[in-house]
Amino acid sequence: MICQCESCDLRTLFYSSIGIEDVDKYCASRREVNLSAGEDLIKQGDVIKDFIYLKEGLVKL
């Protein structure tokens, strides 16, 4: 499932405090990753350099 920023219901919520030009920049640089059950998204101690948004599924912390 590929998300299109233009039709994303959460776009307004996440980007309500910045200009549309900045929203377009963030959306243009996004990447979508599909993981299988049990596969690690991040591990303890990993440095997170990006914003991570879970669009669908469950996460075990």
PDB file of N, CA and C in Angstrom:
ATOM      1  N   MET A   1       0.849  -1.179   0.000  1.00  0.00           N
ATOM      2  CA  MET A   1       0.000   0.000   0.000  1.00  0.00           C
ATOM      3  C   MET A   1       0.891   1.236   0.000  1.00  0.00           C
ATOM      4  N   ILE A   2       0.767   2.058  -0.979  1.00  0.00           N
ATOM      5  CA  ILE A   2       1.576   3.268  -1.090  1.00  0.00           C
ATOM      6  C   ILE A   2       0.747   4.468  -0.643  1.00  0.00           C
ATOM      7  N   CYS A   3       1.295   5.224   0.281  1.00  0.00           N
ATOM      8  CA  CYS A   3       0.619   6.417   0.796  1.00  0.00           C
ATOM      9  C   CYS A   3       0.924   7.600  -0.111  1.00  0.00           C
ATOM     10  N   GLN A   4      -0.075   8.352  -0.422  1.00  0.00           N
ATOM     11  CA  GLN A   4       0.097   9.592  -1.169  1.00  0.00           C
ATOM     12  C   GLN A   4      -0.150  10.740  -0.205  1.00  0.00           C
ATOM     13  N   CYS A   5       0.850  11.567   0.007  1.00  0.00           N
ATOM     14  CA  CYS A   5       0.733  12.664   0.971  1.00  0.00           C
ATOM     15  C   CYS A   5      -0.465  13.564   0.684  1.00  0.00           C
ATOM     16  N   GLU A   6      -0.787  13.768  -0.581  1.00  0.00           N
ATOM     17  CA  GLU A   6      -1.884  14.663  -0.937  1.00  0.00           C
ATOM     18  C   GLU A   6      -3.214  14.185  -0.377  1.00  0.00           C
ATOM     19  N   SER A   7      -3.373  12.882  -0.198  1.00  0.00           N
ATOM     20  CA  SER A   7      -4.649  12.339   0.263  1.00  0.00           C
ATOM     21  C   SER A   7      -4.575  11.800   1.689  1.00  0.00           C
ATOM     22  N   CYS A   8      -3.502  12.069   2.390  1.00  0.00           N
ATOM     23  CA  CYS A   8      -3.310  11.526   3.737  1.00  0.00           C
ATOM     24  C   CYS A   8      -4.156  12.292   4.757  1.00  0.00           C
ATOM     25  N   ASP A   9      -4.969  11.570   5.508  1.00  0.00           N
ATOM     26  CA  ASP A   9      -5.813  12.188   6.534  1.00  0.00           C
ATOM     27  C   ASP A   9      -4.993  12.807   7.655  1.00  0.00           C
ATOM     28  N   LEU A  10      -3.814  12.273   7.911  1.00  0.00           N
ATOM     29  CA  LEU A  10      -2.996  12.765   9.018  1.00  0.00           C
ATOM     30  C   LEU A  10      -2.078  13.913   8.619  1.00  0.00           C
ATOM     31  N   ARG A  11      -2.019  14.231   7.348  1.00  0.00           N
ATOM     32  CA  ARG A  11      -1.135  15.304   6.869  1.00  0.00           C
ATOM     33  C   ARG A  11      -1.413  16.614   7.602  1.00  0.00           C
ATOM     34  N   THR A  12      -2.664  16.985   7.709  1.00  0.00           N
ATOM     35  CA  THR A  12      -3.029  18.236   8.370  1.00  0.00           C
ATOM     36  C   THR A  12      -2.608  18.226   9.831  1.00  0.00           C
ATOM     37  N   LEU A  13      -2.816  17.128  10.500  1.00  0.00           N
ATOM     38  CA  LEU A  13      -2.452  17.016  11.911  1.00  0.00           C
ATOM     39  C   LEU A  13      -0.953  17.174  12.119  1.00  0.00           C
ATOM     40  N   PHE A  14      -0.155  16.467  11.365  1.00  0.00           N
ATOM     41  CA  PHE A  14       1.294  16.487  11.548  1.00  0.00           C
ATOM     42  C   PHE A  14       1.936  17.794  11.105  1.00  0.00           C
ATOM     43  N   TYR A  15       1.424  18.390  10.059  1.00  0.00           N
ATOM     44  CA  TYR A  15       2.088  19.541   9.464  1.00  0.00           C
ATOM     45  C   TYR A  15       1.308  20.843   9.584  1.00  0.00           C
ATOM     46  N   SER A  16       0.407  20.927  10.549  1.00  0.00           N
ATOM     47  CA  SER A  16      -0.454  22.109  10.652  1.00  0.00           C
ATOM     48  C   SER A  16       0.299  23.386  11.010  1.00  0.00           C
ATOM     49  N   SER A  17       1.492  23.268  11.579  1.00  0.00           N
ATOM     50  CA  SER A  17       2.218  24.462  12.022  1.00  0.00           C
ATOM     51  C   SER A  17       3.312  24.919  11.051  1.00  0.00           C
ATOM     52  N   ILE A  18       3.430  24.266   9.886  1.00  0.00           N
ATOM     53  CA  ILE A  18       4.442  24.681   8.914  1.00  0.00           C
ATOM     54  C   ILE A  18       3.774  24.990   7.577  1.00  0.00           C
ATOM     55  N   GLY A  19       4.486  25.679   6.722  1.00  0.00           N
ATOM     56  CA  GLY A  19       3.949  26.074   5.422  1.00  0.00           C
ATOM     57  C   GLY A  19       3.825  24.911   4.457  1.00  0.00           C
ATOM     58  N   ILE A  20       2.981  25.086   3.449  1.00  0.00           N
ATOM     59  CA  ILE A  20       2.732  24.044   2.454  1.00  0.00           C
ATOM     60  C   ILE A  20       3.996  23.675   1.684  1.00  0.00           C
ATOM     61  N   GLU A  21       4.899  24.638   1.479  1.00  0.00           N
ATOM     62  CA  GLU A  21       6.151  24.336   0.777  1.00  0.00           C
ATOM     63  C   GLU A  21       6.983  23.336   1.578  1.00  0.00           C
ATOM     64  N   ASP A  22       7.010  23.525   2.897  1.00  0.00           N
ATOM     65  CA  ASP A  22       7.757  22.603   3.752  1.00  0.00           C
ATOM     66  C   ASP A  22       7.094  21.230   3.792  1.00  0.00           C
ATOM     67  N   VAL A  23       5.780  21.213   3.815  1.00  0.00           N
ATOM     68  CA  VAL A  23       5.059  19.937   3.784  1.00  0.00           C
ATOM     69  C   VAL A  23       5.420  19.179   2.517  1.00  0.00           C
ATOM     70  N   ASP A  24       5.422  19.867   1.395  1.00  0.00           N
ATOM     71  CA  ASP A  24       5.761  19.221   0.125  1.00  0.00           C
ATOM     72  C   ASP A  24       7.185  18.671   0.140  1.00  0.00           C
ATOM     73  N   LYS A  25       8.119  19.396   0.778  1.00  0.00           N
ATOM     74  CA  LYS A  25       9.509  18.916   0.876  1.00  0.00           C
ATOM     75  C   LYS A  25       9.576  17.632   1.691  1.00  0.00           C
ATOM     76  N   TYR A  26       8.880  17.615   2.834  1.00  0.00           N
ATOM     77  CA  TYR A  26       8.883  16.415   3.677  1.00  0.00           C
ATOM     78  C   TYR A  26       8.249  15.237   2.948  1.00  0.00           C
ATOM     79  N   CYS A  27       7.139  15.483   2.296  1.00  0.00           N
ATOM     80  CA  CYS A  27       6.455  14.405   1.581  1.00  0.00           C
ATOM     81  C   CYS A  27       7.299  13.866   0.428  1.00  0.00           C
ATOM     82  N   ALA A  28       8.018  14.746  -0.244  1.00  0.00           N
ATOM     83  CA  ALA A  28       8.857  14.324  -1.368  1.00  0.00           C
ATOM     84  C   ALA A  28      10.023  13.451  -0.909  1.00  0.00           C
ATOM     85  N   SER A  29      10.455  13.622   0.328  1.00  0.00           N
ATOM     86  CA  SER A  29      11.616  12.867   0.805  1.00  0.00           C
ATOM     87  C   SER A  29      11.225  11.631   1.613  1.00  0.00           C
ATOM     88  N   ARG A  30       9.950  11.360   1.735  1.00  0.00           N
ATOM     89  CA  ARG A  30       9.526  10.221   2.544  1.00  0.00           C
ATOM     90  C   ARG A  30       9.812   8.910   1.825  1.00  0.00           C
ATOM     91  N   ARG A  31       9.910   7.872   2.614  1.00  0.00           N
ATOM     92  CA  ARG A  31      10.029   6.538   2.034  1.00  0.00           C
ATOM     93  C   ARG A  31       9.175   5.599   2.860  1.00  0.00           C
ATOM     94  N   GLU A  32       8.615   4.635   2.218  1.00  0.00           N
ATOM     95  CA  GLU A  32       7.734   3.681   2.872  1.00  0.00           C
ATOM     96  C   GLU A  32       8.437   2.339   2.931  1.00  0.00           C
ATOM     97  N   VAL A  33       8.358   1.712   4.090  1.00  0.00           N
ATOM     98  CA  VAL A  33       9.005   0.423   4.303  1.00  0.00           C
ATOM     99  C   VAL A  33       7.950  -0.572   4.762  1.00  0.00           C
ATOM    100  N   ASN A  34       7.926  -1.731   4.155  1.00  0.00           N
ATOM    101  CA  ASN A  34       7.022  -2.804   4.571  1.00  0.00           C
ATOM    102  C   ASN A  34       7.845  -3.876   5.260  1.00  0.00           C
ATOM    103  N   LEU A  35       7.436  -4.239   6.472  1.00  0.00           N
ATOM    104  CA  LEU A  35       8.156  -5.245   7.240  1.00  0.00           C
ATOM    105  C   LEU A  35       7.272  -6.462   7.466  1.00  0.00           C
ATOM    106  N   SER A  36       7.885  -7.608   7.537  1.00  0.00           N
ATOM    107  CA  SER A  36       7.167  -8.838   7.852  1.00  0.00           C
ATOM    108  C   SER A  36       7.020  -8.967   9.359  1.00  0.00           C
ATOM    109  N   ALA A  37       6.082  -9.776   9.797  1.00  0.00           N
ATOM    110  CA  ALA A  37       5.884 -10.014  11.226  1.00  0.00           C
ATOM    111  C   ALA A  37       7.183 -10.507  11.848  1.00  0.00           C
ATOM    112  N   GLY A  38       7.560  -9.912  12.978  1.00  0.00           N
ATOM    113  CA  GLY A  38       8.774 -10.306  13.681  1.00  0.00           C
ATOM    114  C   GLY A  38      10.024  -9.579  13.239  1.00  0.00           C
ATOM    115  N   GLU A  39       9.960  -8.869  12.145  1.00  0.00           N
ATOM    116  CA  GLU A  39      11.115  -8.134  11.633  1.00  0.00           C
ATOM    117  C   GLU A  39      11.299  -6.842  12.429  1.00  0.00           C
ATOM    118  N   ASP A  40      12.557  -6.487  12.732  1.00  0.00           N
ATOM    119  CA  ASP A  40      12.851  -5.298  13.531  1.00  0.00           C
ATOM    120  C   ASP A  40      12.751  -4.028  12.705  1.00  0.00           C
ATOM    121  N   LEU A  41      12.059  -3.046  13.264  1.00  0.00           N
ATOM    122  CA  LEU A  41      12.022  -1.708  12.684  1.00  0.00           C
ATOM    123  C   LEU A  41      13.233  -0.935  13.178  1.00  0.00           C
ATOM    124  N   ILE A  42      13.413  -0.915  14.480  1.00  0.00           N
ATOM    125  CA  ILE A  42      14.607  -0.353  15.116  1.00  0.00           C
ATOM    126  C   ILE A  42      14.951  -1.238  16.298  1.00  0.00           C
ATOM    127  N   LYS A  43      16.197  -1.168  16.731  1.00  0.00           N
ATOM    128  CA  LYS A  43      16.651  -1.946  17.884  1.00  0.00           C
ATOM    129  C   LYS A  43      17.109  -0.998  18.976  1.00  0.00           C
ATOM    130  N   GLN A  44      17.102  -1.483  20.201  1.00  0.00           N
ATOM    131  CA  GLN A  44      17.554  -0.673  21.328  1.00  0.00           C
ATOM    132  C   GLN A  44      18.973  -0.184  21.058  1.00  0.00           C
ATOM    133  N   GLY A  45      19.180   1.107  21.261  1.00  0.00           N
ATOM    134  CA  GLY A  45      20.490   1.702  21.039  1.00  0.00           C
ATOM    135  C   GLY A  45      20.676   2.298  19.655  1.00  0.00           C
ATOM    136  N   ASP A  46      19.756   1.990  18.727  1.00  0.00           N
ATOM    137  CA  ASP A  46      19.844   2.577  17.385  1.00  0.00           C
ATOM    138  C   ASP A  46      19.665   4.088  17.456  1.00  0.00           C
ATOM    139  N   VAL A  47      20.408   4.806  16.645  1.00  0.00           N
ATOM    140  CA  VAL A  47      20.238   6.248  16.521  1.00  0.00           C
ATOM    141  C   VAL A  47      19.156   6.484  15.466  1.00  0.00           C
ATOM    142  N   ILE A  48      18.129   7.232  15.839  1.00  0.00           N
ATOM    143  CA  ILE A  48      17.041   7.519  14.908  1.00  0.00           C
ATOM    144  C   ILE A  48      17.286   8.886  14.293  1.00  0.00           C
ATOM    145  N   LYS A  49      17.462   8.916  12.987  1.00  0.00           N
ATOM    146  CA  LYS A  49      17.748  10.164  12.271  1.00  0.00           C
ATOM    147  C   LYS A  49      16.514  10.697  11.547  1.00  0.00           C
ATOM    148  N   ASP A  50      15.491   9.888  11.455  1.00  0.00           N
ATOM    149  CA  ASP A  50      14.305  10.246  10.689  1.00  0.00           C
ATOM    150  C   ASP A  50      13.067  10.168  11.571  1.00  0.00           C
ATOM    151  N   PHE A  51      11.993  10.733  11.084  1.00  0.00           N
ATOM    152  CA  PHE A  51      10.688  10.617  11.710  1.00  0.00           C
ATOM    153  C   PHE A  51      10.119   9.267  11.312  1.00  0.00           C
ATOM    154  N   ILE A  52       9.647   8.503  12.274  1.00  0.00           N
ATOM    155  CA  ILE A  52       9.080   7.189  11.979  1.00  0.00           C
ATOM    156  C   ILE A  52       7.593   7.231  12.298  1.00  0.00           C
ATOM    157  N   TYR A  53       6.790   6.845  11.341  1.00  0.00           N
ATOM    158  CA  TYR A  53       5.338   6.849  11.495  1.00  0.00           C
ATOM    159  C   TYR A  53       4.816   5.471  11.139  1.00  0.00           C
ATOM    160  N   LEU A  54       4.118   4.854  12.056  1.00  0.00           N
ATOM    161  CA  LEU A  54       3.517   3.550  11.809  1.00  0.00           C
ATOM    162  C   LEU A  54       2.133   3.767  11.215  1.00  0.00           C
ATOM    163  N   LYS A  55       1.980   3.390   9.977  1.00  0.00           N
ATOM    164  CA  LYS A  55       0.725   3.615   9.266  1.00  0.00           C
ATOM    165  C   LYS A  55      -0.274   2.491   9.514  1.00  0.00           C
ATOM    166  N   GLU A  56       0.237   1.291   9.695  1.00  0.00           N
ATOM    167  CA  GLU A  56      -0.642   0.139   9.815  1.00  0.00           C
ATOM    168  C   GLU A  56       0.082  -0.959  10.573  1.00  0.00           C
ATOM    169  N   GLY A  57      -0.619  -1.692  11.415  1.00  0.00           N
ATOM    170  CA  GLY A  57      -0.041  -2.828  12.102  1.00  0.00           C
ATOM    171  C   GLY A  57       0.164  -2.577  13.582  1.00  0.00           C
ATOM    172  N   LEU A  58       0.942  -3.436  14.199  1.00  0.00           N
ATOM    173  CA  LEU A  58       1.226  -3.378  15.625  1.00  0.00           C
ATOM    174  C   LEU A  58       2.724  -3.357  15.854  1.00  0.00           C
ATOM    175  N   VAL A  59       3.128  -2.753  16.964  1.00  0.00           N
ATOM    176  CA  VAL A  59       4.543  -2.694  17.326  1.00  0.00           C
ATOM    177  C   VAL A  59       4.705  -3.235  18.733  1.00  0.00           C
ATOM    178  N   LYS A  60       5.687  -4.083  18.916  1.00  0.00           N
ATOM    179  CA  LYS A  60       6.026  -4.574  20.248  1.00  0.00           C
ATOM    180  C   LYS A  60       7.189  -3.737  20.751  1.00  0.00           C
ATOM    181  N   LEU A  61       6.996  -3.104  21.907  1.00  0.00           N
ATOM    182  CA  LEU A  61       8.049  -2.264  22.480  1.00  0.00           C
ATOM    183  C   LEU A  61       8.891  -3.051  23.451  1.00  0.00           C
TER     184      LEU A  61
END
